Amino acid sequence: MSSAMPEETPRTWSKKSRALASASALVACTCVCTGIALSQAAPATPPATAATSGALPAPTTVRITFATEPPTNALVTWGKTSLGRITTRAELVVIRPRDSGPLDVVVRAAGFLPVQTRAHTFADTRVSVKLTRPTETATLLGYRVPIDAGAPIAVDPAAAPHDPNATPPWNVSPAWNMVQPSSAAPVTPIAPAPAPGPAAAGTPIVHP
């Protein structure tokens, strides 16, 4: 004999759904309770600081080292303040507060052109200044060849020196006064008109 399988009815389906929902809610509640218990049991870890981690604090000053190429004796100035001297055996080291702004310095050495440069203070810096002799200016960036204006005008040493206060002759008058007195037409003076007054009887009045 074969045993028949029981038929599933809508009531049986609803019972299974309720059982699955209850099991899911129980699992979720268990997970939440376990997480709360673990968070309360574990002590809070303080943030790592420089003292606890062993790291050294950031320095408050920086070292700026100045050197020249080729090595020579040079003076480093910051405006009107002298920062020190560079020698052939020792470089110049300047201590400045960190992040205190750039230093615009001028390096001067005998026999070389002065050089203006900038040093920053956000970290330790080494500034190597390349010096140039006056005879080597053509090697500088942006150098321009001077323009040849030609030979200067020869001046006769026997000629009288020019007097800026002297009155110029008529033949070198400005362009707006090119007429010379010798070639100008003679000017006839105009007699002034008589003053008006009472006219005598019978005298005709003549208007100029």
Protein backbone atom coordinates (compact mmCIF):
# COMPACT_ATOMS: atom_id res chain seq x y z
CA MET A 1 0.00 0.00 0.00
CA SER A 2 1.27 3.45 -0.75
CA SER A 3 0.81 6.13 1.84
CA ALA A 4 -0.63 9.35 0.44
CA MET A 5 1.20 12.69 1.16
CA PRO A 6 -0.83 15.13 3.23
CA GLU A 7 -2.11 18.00 1.21
CA GLU A 8 -0.84 21.49 2.15
CA THR A 9 -3.52 24.01 2.77
CA PRO A 10 -3.32 27.82 3.05
CA ARG A 11 -3.50 27.42 6.81
CA THR A 12 -0.36 25.27 6.74
CA TRP A 13 1.46 27.93 4.64
CA SER A 14 0.62 30.69 7.10
CA LYS A 15 1.94 28.62 10.00
CA LYS A 16 5.28 28.11 8.19
CA SER A 17 5.58 31.83 7.39
CA ARG A 18 4.99 32.77 11.00
CA ALA A 19 7.60 30.27 12.14
CA LEU A 20 10.23 31.62 9.71
CA ALA A 21 9.52 35.22 10.72
CA SER A 22 9.88 34.37 14.40
CA ALA A 23 13.18 32.59 13.78
CA SER A 24 14.56 35.58 11.81
CA ALA A 25 13.54 38.03 14.53
CA LEU A 26 15.17 35.85 17.19
CA VAL A 27 18.45 35.72 15.24
CA ALA A 28 18.47 39.50 14.70
CA CYS A 29 17.78 40.19 18.38
CA THR A 30 20.58 37.84 19.39
CA CYS A 31 23.06 39.63 17.12
CA VAL A 32 22.09 43.07 18.46
CA CYS A 33 22.40 41.96 22.07
CA THR A 34 25.79 40.38 21.40
CA GLY A 35 27.09 43.60 19.75
CA ILE A 36 25.93 45.75 22.66
CA ALA A 37 27.58 43.44 25.16
CA LEU A 38 30.88 43.46 23.27
CA SER A 39 30.90 47.26 22.94
CA GLN A 40 30.32 47.68 26.66
CA ALA A 41 32.92 45.11 27.59
CA ALA A 42 35.76 46.46 25.33
CA PRO A 43 37.47 49.57 26.84
CA ALA A 44 37.74 52.65 24.64
CA THR A 45 41.20 53.03 23.08
CA PRO A 46 42.57 56.57 23.57
CA PRO A 47 43.88 58.33 20.43
CA ALA A 48 47.58 57.96 19.83
CA THR A 49 49.56 61.05 20.73
CA ALA A 50 53.18 62.05 20.25
CA ALA A 51 53.95 61.03 23.84
CA THR A 52 52.30 57.58 23.59
CA SER A 53 53.40 56.75 20.03
CA GLY A 54 57.01 57.75 20.61
CA ALA A 55 57.10 60.22 17.64
CA LEU A 56 59.08 63.42 18.14
CA PRO A 57 57.19 66.75 17.91
CA ALA A 58 57.75 68.90 14.85
CA PRO A 59 60.68 71.31 15.31
CA THR A 60 59.88 75.00 15.64
CA THR A 61 62.99 76.20 13.74
CA VAL A 62 64.68 75.43 10.44
CA ARG A 63 68.29 75.49 9.25
CA ILE A 64 69.09 77.43 6.08
CA THR A 65 72.55 76.73 4.67
CA PHE A 66 74.14 79.12 2.16
CA ALA A 67 77.05 78.15 -0.10
CA THR A 68 78.70 79.57 -3.21
CA GLU A 69 79.92 77.99 -6.42
CA PRO A 70 82.85 78.34 -6.83
CA PRO A 71 83.68 78.46 -3.11
CA THR A 72 84.81 81.94 -2.11
CA ASN A 73 84.43 84.53 0.63
CA ALA A 74 81.01 86.18 0.33
CA LEU A 75 78.68 88.34 2.41
CA VAL A 76 74.99 87.44 2.76
CA THR A 77 72.63 90.33 3.56
CA TRP A 78 68.87 90.42 4.16
CA GLY A 79 67.87 93.97 3.39
CA LYS A 80 70.09 96.09 5.64
CA THR A 81 70.74 93.14 8.00
CA SER A 82 73.91 91.11 7.61
CA LEU A 83 73.22 87.41 8.10
CA GLY A 84 76.88 86.37 8.04
CA ARG A 85 79.76 85.44 5.77
CA ILE A 86 80.52 82.43 3.63
CA THR A 87 84.15 81.32 3.55
CA THR A 88 86.06 78.94 1.35
CA ARG A 89 86.08 76.35 4.13
CA ALA A 90 82.73 76.87 5.88
CA GLU A 91 79.19 77.46 4.75
CA LEU A 92 76.83 79.92 6.39
CA VAL A 93 74.05 78.38 8.53
CA VAL A 94 71.12 80.57 9.57
CA ILE A 95 68.47 79.47 12.11
CA ARG A 96 65.00 80.86 11.47
CA PRO A 97 61.51 80.15 12.92
CA ARG A 98 59.58 77.60 10.93
CA ASP A 99 57.03 79.03 8.44
CA SER A 100 58.16 82.59 9.17
CA GLY A 101 58.16 83.57 5.48
CA PRO A 102 60.79 83.58 2.73
CA LEU A 103 64.14 85.35 2.95
CA ASP A 104 65.16 87.50 -0.02
CA VAL A 105 68.93 87.78 0.37
CA VAL A 106 71.78 89.23 -1.67
CA VAL A 107 75.13 87.44 -1.94
CA ARG A 108 78.13 89.68 -2.68
CA ALA A 109 81.67 88.49 -3.36
CA ALA A 110 84.75 90.36 -4.57
CA GLY A 111 85.33 89.89 -8.30
CA PHE A 112 81.79 88.58 -8.94
CA LEU A 113 78.41 90.06 -9.76
CA PRO A 114 75.96 90.35 -6.82
CA VAL A 115 73.28 87.67 -6.80
CA GLN A 116 69.78 87.99 -5.35
CA THR A 117 68.09 84.76 -4.30
CA ARG A 118 65.30 83.48 -2.02
CA ALA A 119 65.30 80.92 0.79
CA HIS A 120 62.14 79.35 2.26
CA THR A 121 61.47 78.49 5.91
CA PHE A 122 58.96 75.61 5.72
CA ALA A 123 61.79 73.03 6.03
CA ASP A 124 65.56 72.75 6.27
CA THR A 125 67.00 74.24 3.07
CA ARG A 126 70.38 74.44 1.37
CA VAL A 127 70.89 77.33 -1.06
CA SER A 128 73.83 77.05 -3.47
CA VAL A 129 74.53 80.35 -5.25
CA LYS A 130 76.37 80.27 -8.59
CA LEU A 131 78.61 83.32 -8.93
CA THR A 132 79.42 84.96 -12.27
CA ARG A 133 82.36 87.20 -13.11
CA PRO A 134 81.73 90.48 -14.96
CA THR A 135 83.53 89.11 -18.02
CA GLU A 136 81.07 86.19 -18.19
CA THR A 137 77.80 88.15 -18.32
CA ALA A 138 77.02 86.65 -21.75
CA THR A 139 76.45 83.27 -20.04
CA LEU A 140 73.59 84.60 -17.88
CA LEU A 141 69.99 83.76 -18.70
CA GLY A 142 68.29 86.67 -20.45
CA TYR A 143 71.52 88.40 -21.49
CA ARG A 144 71.13 90.85 -24.39
CA VAL A 145 73.89 91.95 -26.69
CA PRO A 146 74.36 95.74 -26.45
CA ILE A 147 73.31 97.73 -29.52
CA ASP A 148 76.13 99.35 -31.52
CA ALA A 149 75.20 103.03 -31.92
CA GLY A 150 78.13 103.73 -34.24
CA ALA A 151 81.13 105.99 -33.83
CA PRO A 152 80.55 109.14 -31.79
CA ILE A 153 80.42 112.50 -33.57
CA ALA A 154 83.79 114.23 -33.63
CA VAL A 155 83.83 117.59 -31.85
CA ASP A 156 86.26 120.33 -32.85
CA PRO A 157 88.19 121.21 -29.67
CA ALA A 158 88.96 124.69 -31.08
CA ALA A 159 85.28 125.55 -31.39
CA ALA A 160 83.81 127.88 -28.78
CA PRO A 161 81.81 126.12 -26.08
CA HIS A 162 78.07 126.25 -26.45
CA ASP A 163 76.34 128.80 -24.25
CA PRO A 164 72.79 127.62 -23.40
CA ASN A 165 71.76 131.19 -22.49
CA ALA A 166 72.94 132.75 -25.78
CA THR A 167 70.35 134.09 -28.24
CA PRO A 168 70.30 131.90 -31.38
CA PRO A 169 71.07 133.65 -34.71
CA TRP A 170 68.34 134.33 -37.19
CA ASN A 171 69.51 131.66 -39.57
CA VAL A 172 68.86 128.91 -37.00
CA SER A 173 65.47 130.14 -35.87
CA PRO A 174 62.73 127.56 -35.19
CA ALA A 175 60.55 126.34 -38.02
CA TRP A 176 57.68 128.56 -36.96
CA ASN A 177 59.86 131.71 -37.39
CA MET A 178 61.72 131.16 -40.66
CA VAL A 179 61.35 134.79 -41.92
CA GLN A 180 64.54 136.79 -41.50
CA PRO A 181 64.44 140.55 -40.84
CA SER A 182 66.58 141.33 -43.91
CA SER A 183 64.10 139.73 -46.31
CA ALA A 184 60.95 140.88 -44.57
CA ALA A 185 58.80 143.62 -46.13
CA PRO A 186 59.07 147.08 -44.52
CA VAL A 187 56.40 147.74 -41.96
CA THR A 188 54.60 151.11 -42.17
CA PRO A 189 53.55 152.38 -38.78
CA ILE A 190 49.89 153.29 -38.43
CA ALA A 191 49.14 156.71 -36.90
CA PRO A 192 46.78 156.56 -33.97
CA ALA A 193 43.28 157.87 -34.58
CA PRO A 194 42.42 161.23 -32.98
CA ALA A 195 40.50 161.16 -29.78
CA PRO A 196 36.76 161.64 -30.25
CA GLY A 197 35.40 165.08 -29.25
CA PRO A 198 32.70 167.50 -30.08
CA ALA A 199 32.79 168.34 -33.78
CA ALA A 200 32.72 171.96 -34.85
CA ALA A 201 29.83 173.16 -36.86
CA GLY A 202 30.25 172.44 -40.50
CA THR A 203 33.21 170.06 -39.96
CA PRO A 204 32.69 166.72 -41.68
CA ILE A 205 33.27 163.60 -39.60
CA VAL A 206 35.69 161.21 -41.21
CA HIS A 207 35.74 157.65 -39.97
CA PRO A 208 39.04 155.84 -40.18
